[in-house]
N, C-alpha and C. Protein backbone atom coordinates (compact mmCIF):
# COMPACT_ATOMS: atom_id res chain seq x y z
N MET A 1 36.75 -9.45 -22.48
CA MET A 1 35.36 -8.70 -22.40
C MET A 1 34.52 -9.97 -22.18
N GLU A 2 33.63 -9.99 -21.16
CA GLU A 2 32.55 -11.13 -21.58
C GLU A 2 31.16 -10.64 -21.85
N LYS A 3 30.39 -11.63 -22.10
CA LYS A 3 29.05 -11.22 -22.79
C LYS A 3 28.26 -10.18 -21.70
N ARG A 4 28.38 -10.40 -20.36
CA ARG A 4 27.74 -9.63 -19.35
C ARG A 4 28.19 -8.09 -19.59
N ASP A 5 29.68 -7.96 -19.59
CA ASP A 5 30.28 -6.89 -19.72
C ASP A 5 29.59 -6.00 -21.02
N ARG A 6 29.35 -6.57 -22.07
CA ARG A 6 28.86 -6.14 -23.48
C ARG A 6 27.50 -5.82 -23.13
N GLU A 7 26.82 -6.43 -22.44
CA GLU A 7 25.41 -6.26 -21.82
C GLU A 7 25.35 -4.87 -21.25
N LEU A 8 26.07 -4.85 -20.24
CA LEU A 8 26.09 -3.59 -19.25
C LEU A 8 26.40 -2.12 -20.10
N PHE A 9 27.52 -2.52 -21.01
CA PHE A 9 27.72 -1.28 -22.07
C PHE A 9 26.53 -0.98 -22.72
N ALA A 10 25.93 -2.02 -23.30
CA ALA A 10 24.54 -1.63 -24.25
C ALA A 10 23.48 -0.99 -23.45
N ARG A 11 23.42 -1.28 -22.11
CA ARG A 11 22.32 -0.77 -21.31
C ARG A 11 22.53 0.51 -21.16
N LEU A 12 23.94 0.76 -20.82
CA LEU A 12 24.29 2.37 -20.60
C LEU A 12 24.42 3.01 -21.85
N ALA A 13 24.66 2.54 -22.93
CA ALA A 13 24.55 3.29 -24.11
C ALA A 13 23.04 3.55 -24.64
N ARG A 14 22.07 2.74 -24.09
CA ARG A 14 20.80 2.93 -24.46
C ARG A 14 20.22 4.12 -23.46
N ILE A 15 20.64 4.00 -22.34
CA ILE A 15 20.10 5.11 -21.52
C ILE A 15 20.83 6.29 -21.84
N ASN A 16 22.16 6.56 -22.16
CA ASN A 16 22.56 7.65 -22.65
C ASN A 16 22.01 8.11 -23.69
N HIS A 17 21.65 7.35 -24.75
CA HIS A 17 20.98 7.74 -26.06
C HIS A 17 19.43 8.23 -25.88
N GLU A 18 18.78 7.86 -24.90
CA GLU A 18 17.37 8.31 -24.54
C GLU A 18 17.51 9.44 -23.66
N TYR A 19 18.59 9.75 -23.09
CA TYR A 19 18.72 10.86 -22.07
C TYR A 19 17.83 12.05 -22.79
N GLY A 20 18.14 12.69 -23.84
CA GLY A 20 17.35 13.64 -24.88
C GLY A 20 16.06 13.75 -24.49
N ASP A 21 15.46 12.48 -24.91
CA ASP A 21 14.23 12.53 -24.90
C ASP A 21 13.62 12.46 -23.45
N ILE A 22 14.22 11.98 -22.45
CA ILE A 22 13.77 11.77 -21.06
C ILE A 22 13.71 13.30 -20.46
N VAL A 23 14.98 13.97 -20.90
CA VAL A 23 14.90 15.35 -20.33
C VAL A 23 13.72 16.31 -20.83
N LEU A 24 13.35 15.89 -22.31
CA LEU A 24 12.38 16.92 -22.93
C LEU A 24 11.12 16.51 -22.17
N HIS A 25 10.88 15.37 -21.90
CA HIS A 25 9.49 14.89 -21.37
C HIS A 25 9.39 15.48 -19.79
N LEU A 26 10.60 15.52 -19.21
CA LEU A 26 10.68 16.13 -17.84
C LEU A 26 10.23 17.56 -17.83
N LEU A 27 10.93 18.28 -18.86
CA LEU A 27 10.65 19.49 -19.01
C LEU A 27 9.15 19.93 -19.24
N SER A 28 8.40 18.81 -20.13
CA SER A 28 6.99 19.30 -20.56
C SER A 28 6.07 18.90 -19.42
N ILE A 29 6.74 18.02 -18.38
CA ILE A 29 5.70 17.61 -17.41
C ILE A 29 6.09 18.36 -16.13
N GLN A 30 6.82 19.28 -16.08
CA GLN A 30 7.51 19.94 -14.73
C GLN A 30 6.53 20.37 -13.90
N TYR A 31 5.29 20.90 -14.16
CA TYR A 31 4.42 21.47 -13.30
C TYR A 31 3.32 20.43 -12.89
N ASP A 32 3.69 19.07 -13.42
CA ASP A 32 2.78 18.08 -12.83
C ASP A 32 3.74 17.25 -11.80
N GLU A 33 3.83 17.88 -10.39
CA GLU A 33 4.70 17.23 -9.70
C GLU A 33 4.79 15.81 -9.37
N THR A 34 3.47 15.10 -9.56
CA THR A 34 3.46 13.81 -9.28
C THR A 34 4.04 13.08 -10.28
N GLU A 35 3.81 13.26 -11.42
CA GLU A 35 4.32 12.63 -12.62
C GLU A 35 6.14 12.83 -12.85
N PHE A 36 6.26 14.19 -12.50
CA PHE A 36 7.68 14.40 -12.66
C PHE A 36 8.41 13.89 -11.46
N ALA A 37 7.78 13.68 -10.32
CA ALA A 37 8.68 12.82 -9.27
C ALA A 37 8.88 11.57 -9.68
N GLN A 38 7.69 10.91 -10.27
CA GLN A 38 7.72 9.46 -10.47
C GLN A 38 8.89 9.13 -11.73
N CYS A 39 8.98 10.23 -12.79
CA CYS A 39 9.92 10.05 -13.60
C CYS A 39 11.28 10.16 -13.17
N LEU A 40 11.65 11.11 -12.38
CA LEU A 40 12.82 11.43 -11.78
C LEU A 40 13.30 10.18 -11.08
N ARG A 41 12.25 9.46 -10.21
CA ARG A 41 12.50 8.42 -9.37
C ARG A 41 12.97 7.21 -10.35
N ALA A 42 12.09 6.97 -11.24
CA ALA A 42 12.56 5.86 -12.44
C ALA A 42 14.05 6.06 -12.79
N LEU A 43 14.17 7.27 -13.47
CA LEU A 43 15.56 7.58 -13.75
C LEU A 43 16.51 7.10 -12.93
N GLY A 44 16.52 7.84 -11.67
CA GLY A 44 17.61 7.81 -10.64
C GLY A 44 17.57 6.20 -10.29
N GLU A 45 16.47 5.62 -10.41
CA GLU A 45 16.62 4.27 -9.85
C GLU A 45 17.49 3.43 -11.02
N ALA A 46 17.13 3.49 -12.21
CA ALA A 46 17.70 3.04 -13.33
C ALA A 46 19.21 3.17 -13.42
N HIS A 47 19.76 4.44 -13.11
CA HIS A 47 21.01 4.70 -12.95
C HIS A 47 21.76 4.10 -11.91
N ALA A 48 21.14 4.14 -10.81
CA ALA A 48 21.68 3.69 -9.46
C ALA A 48 21.74 2.33 -9.83
N GLN A 49 20.86 1.41 -10.04
CA GLN A 49 21.21 -0.06 -10.53
C GLN A 49 22.21 -0.31 -11.44
N LEU A 50 22.05 0.47 -12.48
CA LEU A 50 23.27 0.20 -13.46
C LEU A 50 24.69 0.39 -12.99
N GLY A 51 24.84 1.51 -12.00
CA GLY A 51 25.95 2.01 -11.45
C GLY A 51 26.38 0.85 -10.42
N HIS A 52 25.56 0.35 -9.71
CA HIS A 52 25.72 -0.58 -8.83
C HIS A 52 26.22 -1.89 -9.73
N GLU A 53 25.97 -2.14 -10.79
CA GLU A 53 26.26 -3.39 -11.52
C GLU A 53 27.74 -3.14 -11.97
N LEU A 54 27.97 -1.69 -12.39
CA LEU A 54 29.30 -1.73 -13.03
C LEU A 54 30.11 -1.75 -12.00
N THR A 55 29.84 -1.22 -11.16
CA THR A 55 30.67 -1.33 -9.59
C THR A 55 30.95 -2.59 -9.04
N GLU A 56 30.15 -3.62 -9.02
CA GLU A 56 30.15 -5.11 -8.81
C GLU A 56 31.11 -5.68 -9.68
N ARG A 57 30.78 -5.53 -10.78
CA ARG A 57 31.73 -5.96 -12.15
C ARG A 57 33.25 -5.74 -11.83
N ALA A 58 33.52 -4.18 -11.58
CA ALA A 58 34.88 -3.73 -11.32
C ALA A 58 35.46 -4.55 -10.18
N ALA A 59 34.67 -4.71 -9.22
CA ALA A 59 35.15 -5.25 -7.82
C ALA A 59 35.61 -6.73 -8.33
N GLU A 60 34.93 -7.40 -9.25
CA GLU A 60 35.13 -8.79 -9.45
C GLU A 60 36.33 -8.87 -10.34
N LEU A 61 36.57 -8.01 -11.36
CA LEU A 61 37.72 -8.12 -11.86
C LEU A 61 39.09 -7.57 -11.24
N THR A 62 38.83 -6.90 -10.26
CA THR A 62 40.00 -6.40 -9.39
C THR A 62 40.54 -7.52 -8.42
N LYS A 63 39.45 -8.39 -7.99
CA LYS A 63 39.74 -9.60 -7.29
C LYS A 63 40.43 -10.55 -7.91
N GLU A 64 40.07 -10.60 -9.44
CA GLU A 64 40.74 -11.77 -10.42
C GLU A 64 41.80 -11.41 -10.59
N ILE A 65 42.21 -10.11 -10.65
CA ILE A 65 43.75 -9.56 -11.12
C ILE A 65 44.38 -9.97 -9.76
N GLU A 66 44.14 -9.58 -8.45
CA GLU A 66 44.88 -9.82 -7.24
C GLU A 66 45.12 -11.22 -7.22
N LEU A 67 44.36 -12.32 -7.85
CA LEU A 67 44.69 -13.69 -7.34
C LEU A 67 45.99 -14.06 -7.82
């Protein structure tokens, strides 16, 4: 496991750890559609970016194994 793998896992752990607070915040602002949408978008983009990086890393490892 390389340093960047550990960094990816650390980011994933941080997001998972913060999920409860994020959900509670979203529940508290659910009637403010603008802020609610902004928070949902930010959360989705963070997950999408991390998911993309995890998928790219898996592809790199697969290519290394195939060599």
